[in-house]
């Protein structure tokens, strides 16, 4: 399978593994400019992986935050399939700081307490704004 196919199918770890094989070959053959380019591709791929995982974690938190008032980090991990606890904790804390969710994170228990009503109200506001936008769009036609 070629590199582009691996990227398109979001098989990031396989993509990085393949790049590392190419890098090893380039090092053996002393292709220094190729090594730099491969390093850059690996770095970009790792960034994409983090972005993809963060998006998945956020989607999971937003979904679960309207269903439960309290969640453990390991429950979020299990639900989204991402095992990197620190990435989940950082994402939760960023979402709280950026007011993407109304919640409080407890370090000692590694749990998140959601202000469920505020989260639901926020979703309702967004849905209402979307409806208004759709109505205006229809009226303009």
Protein backbone atom coordinates (compact mmCIF):
# COMPACT_ATOMS: atom_id res chain seq x y z
CA UNK A 1 0.00 0.00 0.00
CA UNK A 2 1.42 3.43 -0.91
CA UNK A 3 1.88 6.33 1.48
CA UNK A 4 -1.04 8.38 0.16
CA UNK A 5 -3.44 5.45 0.58
CA UNK A 6 -2.31 5.00 4.18
CA UNK A 7 -2.96 8.69 4.84
CA UNK A 8 -6.34 8.65 3.11
CA UNK A 9 -7.41 5.66 5.20
CA UNK A 10 -6.11 7.33 8.39
CA UNK A 11 -3.65 4.50 9.00
CA UNK A 12 -1.22 6.92 10.60
CA UNK A 13 0.93 4.46 12.52
CA UNK A 14 1.47 2.36 9.41
CA UNK A 15 2.26 5.55 7.49
CA UNK A 16 4.91 6.55 10.05
CA UNK A 17 6.35 3.03 10.10
CA UNK A 18 6.70 3.10 6.30
CA UNK A 19 8.35 6.54 6.45
CA UNK A 20 10.79 5.29 9.07
CA UNK A 21 11.70 2.40 6.75
CA UNK A 22 12.36 4.90 3.96
CA UNK A 23 14.42 7.04 6.34
CA UNK A 24 16.52 4.04 7.35
CA UNK A 25 17.20 3.32 3.67
CA UNK A 26 18.04 6.99 3.01
CA UNK A 27 20.46 7.01 5.95
CA UNK A 28 22.17 3.86 4.68
CA UNK A 29 22.54 5.41 1.24
CA UNK A 30 23.53 8.80 2.70
CA UNK A 31 20.70 10.77 1.05
CA UNK A 32 20.80 13.67 3.51
CA UNK A 33 18.23 15.90 1.75
CA UNK A 34 15.81 12.99 1.59
CA UNK A 35 16.30 12.32 5.32
CA UNK A 36 15.27 15.90 6.16
CA UNK A 37 12.19 15.63 3.97
CA UNK A 38 11.17 12.31 5.57
CA UNK A 39 11.71 13.77 9.06
CA UNK A 40 9.39 16.61 8.12
CA UNK A 41 6.75 14.14 6.87
CA UNK A 42 7.01 12.13 10.10
CA UNK A 43 6.58 15.27 12.18
CA UNK A 44 3.52 16.29 10.15
CA UNK A 45 2.04 12.81 10.49
CA UNK A 46 2.48 12.88 14.27
CA UNK A 47 0.75 16.25 14.34
CA UNK A 48 -2.13 14.83 12.27
CA UNK A 49 -2.43 11.88 14.65
CA UNK A 50 -2.66 14.18 17.64
CA UNK A 51 -5.23 16.35 15.86
CA UNK A 52 -7.31 13.30 14.90
CA UNK A 53 -7.19 11.89 18.44
CA UNK A 54 -8.05 15.25 20.00
CA UNK A 55 -11.04 15.59 17.68
CA UNK A 56 -12.21 12.08 18.62
CA UNK A 57 -11.80 12.84 22.34
CA UNK A 58 -13.75 16.11 22.01
CA UNK A 59 -16.60 14.43 20.14
CA UNK A 60 -16.77 11.75 22.83
CA UNK A 61 -16.74 14.29 25.67
CA UNK A 62 -19.44 16.41 24.02
CA UNK A 63 -21.60 13.34 23.52
CA UNK A 64 -21.11 11.91 27.01
CA UNK A 65 -21.34 15.32 28.67
CA UNK A 66 -25.04 15.55 27.82
CA UNK A 67 -25.75 12.03 29.07
CA UNK A 68 -23.76 11.87 32.31
CA UNK A 69 -23.02 14.34 35.08
CA UNK A 70 -19.68 12.80 36.04
CA UNK A 71 -17.10 10.77 34.12
CA UNK A 72 -13.74 9.24 34.91
CA UNK A 73 -10.91 9.80 32.43
CA UNK A 74 -10.67 6.03 31.92
CA UNK A 75 -14.36 5.95 30.91
CA UNK A 76 -13.72 8.61 28.26
CA UNK A 77 -10.69 6.62 27.12
CA UNK A 78 -12.70 3.43 26.83
CA UNK A 79 -15.50 5.13 24.91
CA UNK A 80 -13.27 6.88 22.36
CA UNK A 81 -10.69 4.11 22.11
CA UNK A 82 -7.72 6.36 22.88
CA UNK A 83 -5.44 5.11 25.63
CA UNK A 84 -3.34 8.26 26.12
CA UNK A 85 -4.60 9.45 29.49
CA UNK A 86 -2.60 12.69 29.51
CA UNK A 87 -3.91 13.69 26.07
CA UNK A 88 -7.47 13.15 27.32
CA UNK A 89 -6.81 15.18 30.49
CA UNK A 90 -5.22 18.01 28.48
CA UNK A 91 -8.15 18.00 26.05
CA UNK A 92 -10.70 18.13 28.90
CA UNK A 93 -8.84 21.01 30.54
CA UNK A 94 -8.58 22.91 27.23
CA UNK A 95 -12.28 22.42 26.55
CA UNK A 96 -13.15 23.78 30.00
CA UNK A 97 -10.76 26.74 29.61
CA UNK A 98 -12.13 27.54 26.13
CA UNK A 99 -15.72 27.13 27.37
CA UNK A 100 -16.43 24.36 24.91
CA UNK A 101 -17.96 22.51 27.85
CA UNK A 102 -19.16 23.60 31.26
CA UNK A 103 -17.44 21.27 33.67
CA UNK A 104 -14.84 20.96 36.38
CA UNK A 105 -11.88 18.61 36.27
CA UNK A 106 -10.74 16.93 39.50
CA UNK A 107 -7.07 15.96 39.43
CA UNK A 108 -7.09 13.60 42.42
CA UNK A 109 -9.97 11.44 41.18
CA UNK A 110 -9.24 12.03 37.47
CA UNK A 111 -12.87 12.79 36.88
CA UNK A 112 -14.94 15.42 35.12
CA UNK A 113 -18.12 16.83 36.64
CA UNK A 114 -20.35 18.33 33.97
CA UNK A 115 -22.82 21.16 34.39
CA UNK A 116 -25.21 19.16 32.27
CA UNK A 117 -27.95 21.80 32.05
CA UNK A 118 -25.51 24.49 30.89
CA UNK A 119 -24.13 22.14 28.24
CA UNK A 120 -27.63 21.27 26.99
CA UNK A 121 -28.61 24.97 26.99
CA UNK A 122 -25.53 25.78 24.93
CA UNK A 123 -26.38 23.08 22.39
CA UNK A 124 -29.96 24.42 22.22
CA UNK A 125 -28.63 27.93 21.52
CA UNK A 126 -26.43 26.60 18.74
CA UNK A 127 -29.33 24.67 17.24
CA UNK A 128 -31.53 27.78 17.38
CA UNK A 129 -28.83 29.88 15.70
CA UNK A 130 -28.48 27.20 13.01
CA UNK A 131 -32.26 27.20 12.43
CA UNK A 132 -32.29 30.98 12.07
CA UNK A 133 -29.38 30.82 9.67
CA UNK A 134 -31.18 28.18 7.59
CA UNK A 135 -34.38 30.25 7.53
CA UNK A 136 -32.50 33.35 6.38
CA UNK A 137 -30.73 31.33 3.72
CA UNK A 138 -34.07 29.97 2.44
CA UNK A 139 -35.66 33.45 2.41
CA UNK A 140 -32.79 34.87 0.32
CA UNK A 141 -33.39 32.34 -2.49
